[in-house]
PDB file of all heavy atoms in Angstrom:
ATOM      1  N   SER A   1       1.018   2.620   0.380  1.00  0.00           N
ATOM      2  CA  SER A   1       1.399   1.549   1.299  1.00  0.00           C
ATOM      3  C   SER A   1       2.439   1.996   2.315  1.00  0.00           C
ATOM      4  O   SER A   1       2.647   1.325   3.332  1.00  0.00           O
ATOM      5  CB  SER A   1       1.924   0.340   0.516  1.00  0.00           C
ATOM      6  OG  SER A   1       3.197   0.612  -0.052  1.00  0.00           O
ATOM      7  N   ILE A   2       3.120   3.136   2.062  1.00  0.00           N
ATOM      8  CA  ILE A   2       4.211   3.549   2.951  1.00  0.00           C
ATOM      9  C   ILE A   2       3.733   4.460   4.075  1.00  0.00           C
ATOM     10  O   ILE A   2       4.507   4.816   4.956  1.00  0.00           O
ATOM     11  CB  ILE A   2       5.337   4.254   2.175  1.00  0.00           C
ATOM     12  CG1 ILE A   2       4.952   5.689   1.823  1.00  0.00           C
ATOM     13  CG2 ILE A   2       5.731   3.494   0.912  1.00  0.00           C
ATOM     14  CD1 ILE A   2       6.103   6.636   1.760  1.00  0.00           C
ATOM     15  N   THR A   3       2.456   4.838   4.073  1.00  0.00           N
ATOM     16  CA  THR A   3       1.945   5.786   5.052  1.00  0.00           C
ATOM     17  C   THR A   3       0.450   5.565   5.276  1.00  0.00           C
ATOM     18  O   THR A   3      -0.254   5.086   4.394  1.00  0.00           O
ATOM     19  CB  THR A   3       2.179   7.237   4.579  1.00  0.00           C
ATOM     20  OG1 THR A   3       1.572   8.152   5.507  1.00  0.00           O
ATOM     21  CG2 THR A   3       1.577   7.481   3.205  1.00  0.00           C
ATOM     22  N   THR A   4      -0.007   5.948   6.469  1.00  0.00           N
ATOM     23  CA  THR A   4      -1.443   5.892   6.752  1.00  0.00           C
ATOM     24  C   THR A   4      -2.148   7.165   6.296  1.00  0.00           C
ATOM     25  O   THR A   4      -3.368   7.294   6.475  1.00  0.00           O
ATOM     26  CB  THR A   4      -1.679   5.680   8.254  1.00  0.00           C
ATOM     27  OG1 THR A   4      -1.020   6.723   8.985  1.00  0.00           O
ATOM     28  CG2 THR A   4      -1.150   4.320   8.707  1.00  0.00           C
ATOM     29  N   ASP A   5      -1.431   8.084   5.729  1.00  0.00           N
ATOM     30  CA  ASP A   5      -1.980   9.338   5.213  1.00  0.00           C
ATOM     31  C   ASP A   5      -3.049   9.032   4.161  1.00  0.00           C
ATOM     32  O   ASP A   5      -2.757   8.530   3.067  1.00  0.00           O
ATOM     33  CB  ASP A   5      -0.838  10.161   4.604  1.00  0.00           C
ATOM     34  CG  ASP A   5      -1.255  11.553   4.172  1.00  0.00           C
ATOM     35  OD1 ASP A   5      -2.458  11.802   4.009  1.00  0.00           O
ATOM     36  OD2 ASP A   5      -0.352  12.393   3.976  1.00  0.00           O
ATOM     37  N   THR A   6      -4.299   9.342   4.468  1.00  0.00           N
ATOM     38  CA  THR A   6      -5.413   8.980   3.584  1.00  0.00           C
ATOM     39  C   THR A   6      -5.492   9.836   2.335  1.00  0.00           C
ATOM     40  O   THR A   6      -6.289   9.554   1.432  1.00  0.00           O
ATOM     41  CB  THR A   6      -6.749   9.078   4.340  1.00  0.00           C
ATOM     42  OG1 THR A   6      -6.902  10.408   4.870  1.00  0.00           O
ATOM     43  CG2 THR A   6      -6.803   8.060   5.479  1.00  0.00           C
ATOM     44  N   ASN A   7      -4.673  10.879   2.256  1.00  0.00           N
ATOM     45  CA  ASN A   7      -4.678  11.750   1.082  1.00  0.00           C
ATOM     46  C   ASN A   7      -3.753  11.264  -0.024  1.00  0.00           C
ATOM     47  O   ASN A   7      -3.733  11.852  -1.115  1.00  0.00           O
ATOM     48  CB  ASN A   7      -4.281  13.168   1.487  1.00  0.00           C
ATOM     49  CG  ASN A   7      -5.296  13.814   2.399  1.00  0.00           C
ATOM     50  OD1 ASN A   7      -6.385  14.176   1.977  1.00  0.00           O
ATOM     51  ND2 ASN A   7      -4.947  13.944   3.678  1.00  0.00           N
ATOM     52  N   VAL A   8      -2.975  10.219   0.236  1.00  0.00           N
ATOM     53  CA  VAL A   8      -2.047   9.706  -0.770  1.00  0.00           C
ATOM     54  C   VAL A   8      -2.812   8.848  -1.770  1.00  0.00           C
ATOM     55  O   VAL A   8      -3.555   7.929  -1.400  1.00  0.00           O
ATOM     56  CB  VAL A   8      -0.918   8.893  -0.111  1.00  0.00           C
ATOM     57  CG1 VAL A   8      -0.021   8.260  -1.170  1.00  0.00           C
ATOM     58  CG2 VAL A   8      -0.105   9.795   0.811  1.00  0.00           C
ATOM     59  N   PHE A   9      -2.619   9.142  -3.038  1.00  0.00           N
ATOM     60  CA  PHE A   9      -3.341   8.457  -4.101  1.00  0.00           C
ATOM     61  C   PHE A   9      -2.958   6.979  -4.197  1.00  0.00           C
ATOM     62  O   PHE A   9      -1.821   6.597  -3.885  1.00  0.00           O
ATOM     63  CB  PHE A   9      -3.067   9.120  -5.455  1.00  0.00           C
ATOM     64  CG  PHE A   9      -3.399  10.591  -5.497  1.00  0.00           C
ATOM     65  CD1 PHE A   9      -2.569  11.477  -6.164  1.00  0.00           C
ATOM     66  CD2 PHE A   9      -4.532  11.099  -4.876  1.00  0.00           C
ATOM     67  CE1 PHE A   9      -2.852  12.837  -6.212  1.00  0.00           C
ATOM     68  CE2 PHE A   9      -4.834  12.449  -4.919  1.00  0.00           C
ATOM     69  CZ  PHE A   9      -3.996  13.318  -5.589  1.00  0.00           C
ATOM     70  N   ILE A  10      -3.899   6.177  -4.680  1.00  0.00           N
ATOM     71  CA  ILE A  10      -3.667   4.759  -4.917  1.00  0.00           C
ATOM     72  C   ILE A  10      -3.409   4.554  -6.405  1.00  0.00           C
ATOM     73  O   ILE A  10      -4.217   4.951  -7.248  1.00  0.00           O
ATOM     74  CB  ILE A  10      -4.867   3.909  -4.467  1.00  0.00           C
ATOM     75  CG1 ILE A  10      -5.106   4.096  -2.967  1.00  0.00           C
ATOM     76  CG2 ILE A  10      -4.630   2.429  -4.787  1.00  0.00           C
ATOM     77  CD1 ILE A  10      -6.352   3.394  -2.447  1.00  0.00           C
ATOM     78  N   SER A  11      -2.291   3.944  -6.733  1.00  0.00           N
ATOM     79  CA  SER A  11      -1.930   3.721  -8.131  1.00  0.00           C
ATOM     80  C   SER A  11      -2.884   2.729  -8.787  1.00  0.00           C
ATOM     81  O   SER A  11      -3.371   1.784  -8.147  1.00  0.00           O
ATOM     82  CB  SER A  11      -0.495   3.190  -8.218  1.00  0.00           C
ATOM     83  OG  SER A  11      -0.182   2.840  -9.548  1.00  0.00           O
ATOM     84  N   GLU A  12      -3.109   2.914 -10.064  1.00  0.00           N
ATOM     85  CA  GLU A  12      -3.918   1.978 -10.847  1.00  0.00           C
ATOM     86  C   GLU A  12      -3.056   1.015 -11.647  1.00  0.00           C
ATOM     87  O   GLU A  12      -3.573   0.198 -12.420  1.00  0.00           O
ATOM     88  CB  GLU A  12      -4.846   2.754 -11.780  1.00  0.00           C
ATOM     89  CG  GLU A  12      -5.865   3.627 -11.042  1.00  0.00           C
ATOM     90  CD  GLU A  12      -6.790   4.375 -11.990  1.00  0.00           C
ATOM     91  OE1 GLU A  12      -6.605   4.237 -13.234  1.00  0.00           O
ATOM     92  OE2 GLU A  12      -7.688   5.091 -11.502  1.00  0.00           O
ATOM     93  N   ALA A  13      -1.743   1.072 -11.449  1.00  0.00           N
ATOM     94  CA  ALA A  13      -0.833   0.208 -12.214  1.00  0.00           C
ATOM     95  C   ALA A  13      -0.894  -1.235 -11.728  1.00  0.00           C
ATOM     96  O   ALA A  13      -1.341  -1.536 -10.618  1.00  0.00           O
ATOM     97  CB  ALA A  13       0.599   0.734 -12.095  1.00  0.00           C
ATOM     98  N   TRP A  14      -0.419  -2.137 -12.582  1.00  0.00           N
ATOM     99  CA  TRP A  14      -0.316  -3.552 -12.244  1.00  0.00           C
ATOM    100  C   TRP A  14       0.537  -3.734 -10.996  1.00  0.00           C
ATOM    101  O   TRP A  14       1.538  -3.053 -10.808  1.00  0.00           O
ATOM    102  CB  TRP A  14       0.305  -4.310 -13.415  1.00  0.00           C
ATOM    103  CG  TRP A  14       0.430  -5.799 -13.240  1.00  0.00           C
ATOM    104  CD1 TRP A  14      -0.445  -6.742 -13.689  1.00  0.00           C
ATOM    105  CD2 TRP A  14       1.508  -6.518 -12.619  1.00  0.00           C
ATOM    106  NE1 TRP A  14       0.018  -8.006 -13.370  1.00  0.00           N
ATOM    107  CE2 TRP A  14       1.212  -7.899 -12.711  1.00  0.00           C
ATOM    108  CE3 TRP A  14       2.687  -6.132 -11.989  1.00  0.00           C
ATOM    109  CZ2 TRP A  14       2.049  -8.881 -12.210  1.00  0.00           C
ATOM    110  CZ3 TRP A  14       3.532  -7.105 -11.464  1.00  0.00           C
ATOM    111  CH2 TRP A  14       3.208  -8.469 -11.577  1.00  0.00           C
ATOM    112  N   ALA A  15       0.137  -4.686 -10.134  1.00  0.00           N
ATOM    113  CA  ALA A  15       0.900  -4.949  -8.914  1.00  0.00           C
ATOM    114  C   ALA A  15       1.023  -6.448  -8.700  1.00  0.00           C
ATOM    115  O   ALA A  15       0.165  -7.233  -9.128  1.00  0.00           O
ATOM    116  CB  ALA A  15       0.216  -4.311  -7.712  1.00  0.00           C
ATOM    117  N   MET A  16       2.094  -6.839  -8.018  1.00  0.00           N
ATOM    118  CA  MET A  16       2.237  -8.236  -7.628  1.00  0.00           C
ATOM    119  C   MET A  16       1.169  -8.583  -6.599  1.00  0.00           C
ATOM    120  O   MET A  16       0.905  -7.808  -5.685  1.00  0.00           O
ATOM    121  CB  MET A  16       3.617  -8.486  -7.008  1.00  0.00           C
ATOM    122  CG  MET A  16       4.770  -8.429  -7.964  1.00  0.00           C
ATOM    123  SD  MET A  16       6.339  -8.843  -7.144  1.00  0.00           S
ATOM    124  CE  MET A  16       6.543  -7.415  -6.068  1.00  0.00           C
ATOM    125  N   ASN A  17       0.545  -9.736  -6.754  1.00  0.00           N
ATOM    126  CA  ASN A  17      -0.390 -10.189  -5.740  1.00  0.00           C
ATOM    127  C   ASN A  17       0.352 -10.488  -4.450  1.00  0.00           C
ATOM    128  O   ASN A  17       1.485 -10.967  -4.458  1.00  0.00           O
ATOM    129  CB  ASN A  17      -1.136 -11.436  -6.206  1.00  0.00           C
ATOM    130  CG  ASN A  17      -2.138 -11.127  -7.307  1.00  0.00           C
ATOM    131  OD1 ASN A  17      -2.613  -9.992  -7.421  1.00  0.00           O
ATOM    132  ND2 ASN A  17      -2.467 -12.108  -8.121  1.00  0.00           N
ATOM    133  N   SER A  18      -0.274 -10.185  -3.328  1.00  0.00           N
ATOM    134  CA  SER A  18       0.335 -10.425  -2.023  1.00  0.00           C
ATOM    135  C   SER A  18      -0.760 -10.731  -1.013  1.00  0.00           C
ATOM    136  O   SER A  18      -1.589  -9.863  -0.716  1.00  0.00           O
ATOM    137  CB  SER A  18       1.149  -9.203  -1.570  1.00  0.00           C
ATOM    138  OG  SER A  18       1.538  -9.328  -0.216  1.00  0.00           O
ATOM    139  N   GLU A  19      -0.744 -11.941  -0.500  1.00  0.00           N
ATOM    140  CA  GLU A  19      -1.734 -12.300   0.513  1.00  0.00           C
ATOM    141  C   GLU A  19      -1.535 -11.467   1.769  1.00  0.00           C
ATOM    142  O   GLU A  19      -2.493 -11.024   2.400  1.00  0.00           O
ATOM    143  CB  GLU A  19      -1.608 -13.789   0.848  1.00  0.00           C
ATOM    144  CG  GLU A  19      -2.670 -14.298   1.800  1.00  0.00           C
ATOM    145  CD  GLU A  19      -2.590 -15.795   2.022  1.00  0.00           C
ATOM    146  OE1 GLU A  19      -1.887 -16.476   1.249  1.00  0.00           O
ATOM    147  OE2 GLU A  19      -3.230 -16.278   2.977  1.00  0.00           O
ATOM    148  N   ALA A  20      -0.266 -11.222   2.134  1.00  0.00           N
ATOM    149  CA  ALA A  20       0.039 -10.463   3.347  1.00  0.00           C
ATOM    150  C   ALA A  20      -0.479  -9.031   3.261  1.00  0.00           C
ATOM    151  O   ALA A  20      -0.867  -8.436   4.277  1.00  0.00           O
ATOM    152  CB  ALA A  20       1.543 -10.455   3.596  1.00  0.00           C
ATOM    153  N   LEU A  21      -0.496  -8.460   2.051  1.00  0.00           N
ATOM    154  CA  LEU A  21      -0.963  -7.091   1.870  1.00  0.00           C
ATOM    155  C   LEU A  21      -2.356  -7.025   1.256  1.00  0.00           C
ATOM    156  O   LEU A  21      -2.812  -5.967   0.839  1.00  0.00           O
ATOM    157  CB  LEU A  21       0.028  -6.300   1.007  1.00  0.00           C
ATOM    158  CG  LEU A  21       1.223  -5.697   1.757  1.00  0.00           C
ATOM    159  CD1 LEU A  21       2.236  -6.767   2.147  1.00  0.00           C
ATOM    160  CD2 LEU A  21       1.913  -4.628   0.932  1.00  0.00           C
ATOM    161  N   SER A  22      -3.014  -8.184   1.188  1.00  0.00           N
ATOM    162  CA  SER A  22      -4.392  -8.266   0.673  1.00  0.00           C
ATOM    163  C   SER A  22      -4.514  -7.714  -0.740  1.00  0.00           C
ATOM    164  O   SER A  22      -5.482  -7.028  -1.080  1.00  0.00           O
ATOM    165  CB  SER A  22      -5.365  -7.526   1.619  1.00  0.00           C
ATOM    166  OG  SER A  22      -5.331  -8.074   2.909  1.00  0.00           O
ATOM    167  N   ILE A  23      -3.521  -8.018  -1.566  1.00  0.00           N
ATOM    168  CA  ILE A  23      -3.544  -7.586  -2.964  1.00  0.00           C
ATOM    169  C   ILE A  23      -3.853  -8.796  -3.833  1.00  0.00           C
ATOM    170  O   ILE A  23      -3.138  -9.796  -3.800  1.00  0.00           O
ATOM    171  CB  ILE A  23      -2.200  -6.973  -3.384  1.00  0.00           C
ATOM    172  CG1 ILE A  23      -1.896  -5.728  -2.538  1.00  0.00           C
ATOM    173  CG2 ILE A  23      -2.198  -6.607  -4.869  1.00  0.00           C
ATOM    174  CD1 ILE A  23      -0.491  -5.183  -2.730  1.00  0.00           C
ATOM    175  N   SER A  24      -4.932  -8.708  -4.588  1.00  0.00           N
ATOM    176  CA  SER A  24      -5.327  -9.780  -5.486  1.00  0.00           C
ATOM    177  C   SER A  24      -5.703  -9.195  -6.837  1.00  0.00           C
ATOM    178  O   SER A  24      -5.917  -7.983  -6.961  1.00  0.00           O
ATOM    179  CB  SER A  24      -6.501 -10.576  -4.908  1.00  0.00           C
ATOM    180  OG  SER A  24      -7.627  -9.729  -4.708  1.00  0.00           O
ATOM    181  N   GLU A  25      -5.737 -10.045  -7.840  1.00  0.00           N
ATOM    182  CA  GLU A  25      -6.061  -9.633  -9.213  1.00  0.00           C
ATOM    183  C   GLU A  25      -5.158  -8.508  -9.688  1.00  0.00           C
ATOM    184  O   GLU A  25      -5.535  -7.710 -10.545  1.00  0.00           O
ATOM    185  CB  GLU A  25      -7.533  -9.237  -9.324  1.00  0.00           C
ATOM    186  CG  GLU A  25      -8.485 -10.389  -8.987  1.00  0.00           C
ATOM    187  CD  GLU A  25      -9.943  -9.998  -9.107  1.00  0.00           C
ATOM    188  OE1 GLU A  25     -10.221  -8.804  -9.399  1.00  0.00           O
ATOM    189  OE2 GLU A  25     -10.805 -10.877  -8.923  1.00  0.00           O
ATOM    190  N   HIS A  26      -3.975  -8.427  -9.087  1.00  0.00           N
ATOM    191  CA  HIS A  26      -2.933  -7.463  -9.491  1.00  0.00           C
ATOM    192  C   HIS A  26      -3.393  -6.010  -9.412  1.00  0.00           C
ATOM    193  O   HIS A  26      -2.946  -5.169 -10.180  1.00  0.00           O
ATOM    194  CB  HIS A  26      -2.439  -7.787 -10.902  1.00  0.00           C
ATOM    195  CG  HIS A  26      -1.885  -9.176 -11.023  1.00  0.00           C
ATOM    196  ND1 HIS A  26      -0.734  -9.573 -10.397  1.00  0.00           N
ATOM    197  CD2 HIS A  26      -2.347 -10.273 -11.686  1.00  0.00           C
ATOM    198  CE1 HIS A  26      -0.494 -10.844 -10.664  1.00  0.00           C
ATOM    199  NE2 HIS A  26      -1.454 -11.297 -11.427  1.00  0.00           N
ATOM    200  N   ARG A  27      -4.282  -5.728  -8.432  1.00  0.00           N
ATOM    201  CA  ARG A  27      -4.778  -4.369  -8.269  1.00  0.00           C
ATOM    202  C   ARG A  27      -4.517  -3.881  -6.846  1.00  0.00           C
ATOM    203  O   ARG A  27      -4.727  -4.606  -5.867  1.00  0.00           O
ATOM    204  CB  ARG A  27      -6.291  -4.287  -8.540  1.00  0.00           C
ATOM    205  CG  ARG A  27      -6.726  -4.817  -9.891  1.00  0.00           C
ATOM    206  CD  ARG A  27      -6.088  -4.084 -11.045  1.00  0.00           C
ATOM    207  NE  ARG A  27      -6.444  -2.678 -11.131  1.00  0.00           N
ATOM    208  CZ  ARG A  27      -5.951  -1.845 -12.053  1.00  0.00           C
ATOM    209  NH1 ARG A  27      -5.073  -2.290 -12.950  1.00  0.00           N
ATOM    210  NH2 ARG A  27      -6.328  -0.590 -12.074  1.00  0.00           N
ATOM    211  N   LEU A  28      -4.041  -2.653  -6.723  1.00  0.00           N
ATOM    212  CA  LEU A  28      -3.835  -2.030  -5.423  1.00  0.00           C
ATOM    213  C   LEU A  28      -5.145  -1.430  -4.928  1.00  0.00           C
ATOM    214  O   LEU A  28      -5.908  -0.855  -5.717  1.00  0.00           O
ATOM    215  CB  LEU A  28      -2.773  -0.938  -5.524  1.00  0.00           C
ATOM    216  CG  LEU A  28      -1.377  -1.411  -5.944  1.00  0.00           C
ATOM    217  CD1 LEU A  28      -0.486  -0.219  -6.255  1.00  0.00           C
ATOM    218  CD2 LEU A  28      -0.757  -2.277  -4.860  1.00  0.00           C
ATOM    219  N   THR A  29      -5.396  -1.562  -3.620  1.00  0.00           N
ATOM    220  CA  THR A  29      -6.644  -1.049  -3.038  1.00  0.00           C
ATOM    221  C   THR A  29      -6.365  -0.365  -1.709  1.00  0.00           C
ATOM    222  O   THR A  29      -5.248  -0.397  -1.182  1.00  0.00           O
ATOM    223  CB  THR A  29      -7.662  -2.186  -2.806  1.00  0.00           C
ATOM    224  OG1 THR A  29      -7.150  -3.055  -1.784  1.00  0.00           O
ATOM    225  CG2 THR A  29      -7.921  -2.980  -4.076  1.00  0.00           C
ATOM    226  N   GLU A  30      -7.407   0.206  -1.137  1.00  0.00           N
ATOM    227  CA  GLU A  30      -7.327   0.895   0.142  1.00  0.00           C
ATOM    228  C   GLU A  30      -6.855  -0.031   1.272  1.00  0.00           C
ATOM    229  O   GLU A  30      -6.235   0.423   2.241  1.00  0.00           O
ATOM    230  CB  GLU A  30      -8.699   1.481   0.490  1.00  0.00           C
ATOM    231  CG  GLU A  30      -8.763   2.244   1.791  1.00  0.00           C
ATOM    232  CD  GLU A  30      -7.944   3.529   1.761  1.00  0.00           C
ATOM    233  OE1 GLU A  30      -7.838   4.152   0.683  1.00  0.00           O
ATOM    234  OE2 GLU A  30      -7.403   3.899   2.822  1.00  0.00           O
ATOM    235  N   VAL A  31      -7.124  -1.317   1.129  1.00  0.00           N
ATOM    236  CA  VAL A  31      -6.810  -2.269   2.195  1.00  0.00           C
ATOM    237  C   VAL A  31      -5.325  -2.260   2.553  1.00  0.00           C
ATOM    238  O   VAL A  31      -4.948  -2.464   3.712  1.00  0.00           O
ATOM    239  CB  VAL A  31      -7.253  -3.695   1.796  1.00  0.00           C
ATOM    240  CG1 VAL A  31      -6.877  -4.710   2.881  1.00  0.00           C
ATOM    241  CG2 VAL A  31      -8.757  -3.726   1.552  1.00  0.00           C
ATOM    242  N   SER A  32      -4.470  -2.004   1.570  1.00  0.00           N
ATOM    243  CA  SER A  32      -3.025  -2.062   1.827  1.00  0.00           C
ATOM    244  C   SER A  32      -2.425  -0.724   2.241  1.00  0.00           C
ATOM    245  O   SER A  32      -1.198  -0.602   2.358  1.00  0.00           O
ATOM    246  CB  SER A  32      -2.287  -2.601   0.590  1.00  0.00           C
ATOM    247  OG  SER A  32      -2.622  -1.872  -0.564  1.00  0.00           O
ATOM    248  N   ARG A  33      -3.250   0.274   2.497  1.00  0.00           N
ATOM    249  CA  ARG A  33      -2.719   1.576   2.912  1.00  0.00           C
ATOM    250  C   ARG A  33      -1.952   1.436   4.231  1.00  0.00           C
ATOM    251  O   ARG A  33      -2.451   0.903   5.215  1.00  0.00           O
ATOM    252  CB  ARG A  33      -3.830   2.612   3.074  1.00  0.00           C
ATOM    253  CG  ARG A  33      -3.300   4.022   3.380  1.00  0.00           C
ATOM    254  CD  ARG A  33      -4.422   5.042   3.487  1.00  0.00           C
ATOM    255  NE  ARG A  33      -5.168   5.189   2.261  1.00  0.00           N
ATOM    256  CZ  ARG A  33      -4.804   5.943   1.233  1.00  0.00           C
ATOM    257  NH1 ARG A  33      -3.663   6.630   1.295  1.00  0.00           N
ATOM    258  NH2 ARG A  33      -5.560   6.025   0.153  1.00  0.00           N
ATOM    259  N   GLY A  34      -0.728   1.913   4.235  1.00  0.00           N
ATOM    260  CA  GLY A  34       0.072   1.941   5.447  1.00  0.00           C
ATOM    261  C   GLY A  34       0.698   0.628   5.861  1.00  0.00           C
ATOM    262  O   GLY A  34       1.425   0.581   6.859  1.00  0.00           O
ATOM    263  N   LEU A  35       0.470  -0.455   5.094  1.00  0.00           N
ATOM    264  CA  LEU A  35       0.965  -1.759   5.527  1.00  0.00           C
ATOM    265  C   LEU A  35       2.478  -1.916   5.366  1.00  0.00           C
ATOM    266  O   LEU A  35       3.054  -2.875   5.880  1.00  0.00           O
ATOM    267  CB  LEU A  35       0.234  -2.877   4.767  1.00  0.00           C
ATOM    268  CG  LEU A  35      -1.257  -3.036   5.101  1.00  0.00           C
ATOM    269  CD1 LEU A  35      -1.830  -4.249   4.387  1.00  0.00           C
ATOM    270  CD2 LEU A  35      -1.475  -3.153   6.606  1.00  0.00           C
ATOM    271  N   ARG A  36       3.142  -0.999   4.663  1.00  0.00           N
ATOM    272  CA  ARG A  36       4.596  -1.005   4.583  1.00  0.00           C
ATOM    273  C   ARG A  36       5.202   0.245   5.238  1.00  0.00           C
ATOM    274  O   ARG A  36       6.347   0.603   4.968  1.00  0.00           O
ATOM    275  CB  ARG A  36       5.050  -1.106   3.121  1.00  0.00           C
ATOM    276  CG  ARG A  36       4.994  -2.534   2.550  1.00  0.00           C
ATOM    277  CD  ARG A  36       6.037  -3.409   3.224  1.00  0.00           C
ATOM    278  NE  ARG A  36       5.996  -4.798   2.822  1.00  0.00           N
ATOM    279  CZ  ARG A  36       6.656  -5.313   1.789  1.00  0.00           C
ATOM    280  NH1 ARG A  36       7.388  -4.539   1.024  1.00  0.00           N
ATOM    281  NH2 ARG A  36       6.593  -6.597   1.530  1.00  0.00           N
ATOM    282  N   ALA A  37       4.443   0.892   6.102  1.00  0.00           N
ATOM    283  CA  ALA A  37       4.938   2.112   6.752  1.00  0.00           C
ATOM    284  C   ALA A  37       6.149   1.831   7.630  1.00  0.00           C
ATOM    285  O   ALA A  37       6.993   2.707   7.842  1.00  0.00           O
ATOM    286  CB  ALA A  37       3.825   2.745   7.585  1.00  0.00           C
ATOM    287  N   HIS A  38       6.271   0.578   8.115  1.00  0.00           N
ATOM    288  CA  HIS A  38       7.400   0.246   8.988  1.00  0.00           C
ATOM    289  C   HIS A  38       8.739   0.332   8.261  1.00  0.00           C
ATOM    290  O   HIS A  38       9.785   0.405   8.906  1.00  0.00           O
ATOM    291  CB  HIS A  38       7.221  -1.163   9.565  1.00  0.00           C
ATOM    292  CG  HIS A  38       7.329  -2.258   8.543  1.00  0.00           C
ATOM    293  ND1 HIS A  38       6.286  -2.586   7.694  1.00  0.00           N
ATOM    294  CD2 HIS A  38       8.349  -3.088   8.227  1.00  0.00           C
ATOM    295  CE1 HIS A  38       6.664  -3.576   6.908  1.00  0.00           C
ATOM    296  NE2 HIS A  38       7.908  -3.904   7.198  1.00  0.00           N
ATOM    297  N   ARG A  39       8.701   0.309   6.920  1.00  0.00           N
ATOM    298  CA  ARG A  39       9.942   0.399   6.151  1.00  0.00           C
ATOM    299  C   ARG A  39      10.368   1.830   5.860  1.00  0.00           C
ATOM    300  O   ARG A  39      11.439   2.056   5.290  1.00  0.00           O
ATOM    301  CB  ARG A  39       9.800  -0.348   4.821  1.00  0.00           C
ATOM    302  CG  ARG A  39       9.856  -1.854   4.946  1.00  0.00           C
ATOM    303  CD  ARG A  39       9.951  -2.514   3.587  1.00  0.00           C
ATOM    304  NE  ARG A  39      10.231  -3.933   3.707  1.00  0.00           N
ATOM    305  CZ  ARG A  39      10.374  -4.758   2.668  1.00  0.00           C
ATOM    306  NH1 ARG A  39      10.255  -4.270   1.427  1.00  0.00           N
ATOM    307  NH2 ARG A  39      10.631  -6.024   2.849  1.00  0.00           N
ATOM    308  N   TRP A  40       9.540   2.796   6.223  1.00  0.00           N
ATOM    309  CA  TRP A  40       9.817   4.180   5.847  1.00  0.00           C
ATOM    310  C   TRP A  40       9.695   5.064   7.089  1.00  0.00           C
ATOM    311  O   TRP A  40       8.592   5.392   7.518  1.00  0.00           O
ATOM    312  CB  TRP A  40       8.840   4.640   4.767  1.00  0.00           C
ATOM    313  CG  TRP A  40       8.929   3.812   3.531  1.00  0.00           C
ATOM    314  CD1 TRP A  40       8.263   2.646   3.264  1.00  0.00           C
ATOM    315  CD2 TRP A  40       9.760   4.058   2.396  1.00  0.00           C
ATOM    316  NE1 TRP A  40       8.623   2.161   2.041  1.00  0.00           N
ATOM    317  CE2 TRP A  40       9.544   3.002   1.472  1.00  0.00           C
ATOM    318  CE3 TRP A  40      10.661   5.077   2.065  1.00  0.00           C
ATOM    319  CZ2 TRP A  40      10.205   2.941   0.249  1.00  0.00           C
ATOM    320  CZ3 TRP A  40      11.315   5.020   0.842  1.00  0.00           C
ATOM    321  CH2 TRP A  40      11.080   3.963  -0.049  1.00  0.00           C
ATOM    322  N   ALA A  41      10.811   5.456   7.642  1.00  0.00           N
ATOM    323  CA  ALA A  41      10.832   6.256   8.867  1.00  0.00           C
ATOM    324  C   ALA A  41      10.573   7.723   8.522  1.00  0.00           C
ATOM    325  O   ALA A  41      11.440   8.598   8.698  1.00  0.00           O
ATOM    326  CB  ALA A  41      12.163   6.083   9.579  1.00  0.00           C
ATOM    327  N   ILE A  42       9.383   8.001   8.046  1.00  0.00           N
ATOM    328  CA  ILE A  42       9.092   9.322   7.484  1.00  0.00           C
ATOM    329  C   ILE A  42       9.302  10.432   8.515  1.00  0.00           C
ATOM    330  O   ILE A  42       9.964  11.443   8.235  1.00  0.00           O
ATOM    331  CB  ILE A  42       7.654   9.373   6.932  1.00  0.00           C
ATOM    332  CG1 ILE A  42       7.464   8.327   5.825  1.00  0.00           C
ATOM    333  CG2 ILE A  42       7.350  10.766   6.383  1.00  0.00           C
ATOM    334  CD1 ILE A  42       6.043   8.230   5.309  1.00  0.00           C
ATOM    335  N   GLU A  43       8.758  10.271   9.710  1.00  0.00           N
ATOM    336  CA  GLU A  43       8.863  11.340  10.688  1.00  0.00           C
ATOM    337  C   GLU A  43      10.303  11.520  11.168  1.00  0.00           C
ATOM    338  O   GLU A  43      10.748  12.652  11.402  1.00  0.00           O
ATOM    339  CB  GLU A  43       7.911  11.077  11.857  1.00  0.00           C
ATOM    340  CG  GLU A  43       6.442  11.150  11.432  1.00  0.00           C
ATOM    341  CD  GLU A  43       5.505  11.453  12.574  1.00  0.00           C
ATOM    342  OE1 GLU A  43       5.983  11.971  13.609  1.00  0.00           O
ATOM    343  OE2 GLU A  43       4.300  11.202  12.430  1.00  0.00           O
ATOM    344  N   LYS A  44      11.051  10.427  11.304  1.00  0.00           N
ATOM    345  CA  LYS A  44      12.469  10.537  11.668  1.00  0.00           C
ATOM    346  C   LYS A  44      13.217  11.338  10.611  1.00  0.00           C
ATOM    347  O   LYS A  44      14.041  12.207  10.925  1.00  0.00           O
ATOM    348  CB  LYS A  44      13.094   9.144  11.797  1.00  0.00           C
ATOM    349  CG  LYS A  44      14.576   9.164  12.200  1.00  0.00           C
ATOM    350  CD  LYS A  44      15.215   7.791  12.047  1.00  0.00           C
ATOM    351  CE  LYS A  44      14.610   6.767  12.972  1.00  0.00           C
ATOM    352  NZ  LYS A  44      15.001   6.979  14.384  1.00  0.00           N
TER     353      LYS A  44
END
């Protein structure tokens, strides 16, 4: 979720549901990739 880098693995652990991040049934999916990148100034 912190980067659009498609090589970063998706965790299979339980997650909080989030409508904003399209997380349902407590599962992380590809849909939320990069949606929290604004919180992590990786290149800076």
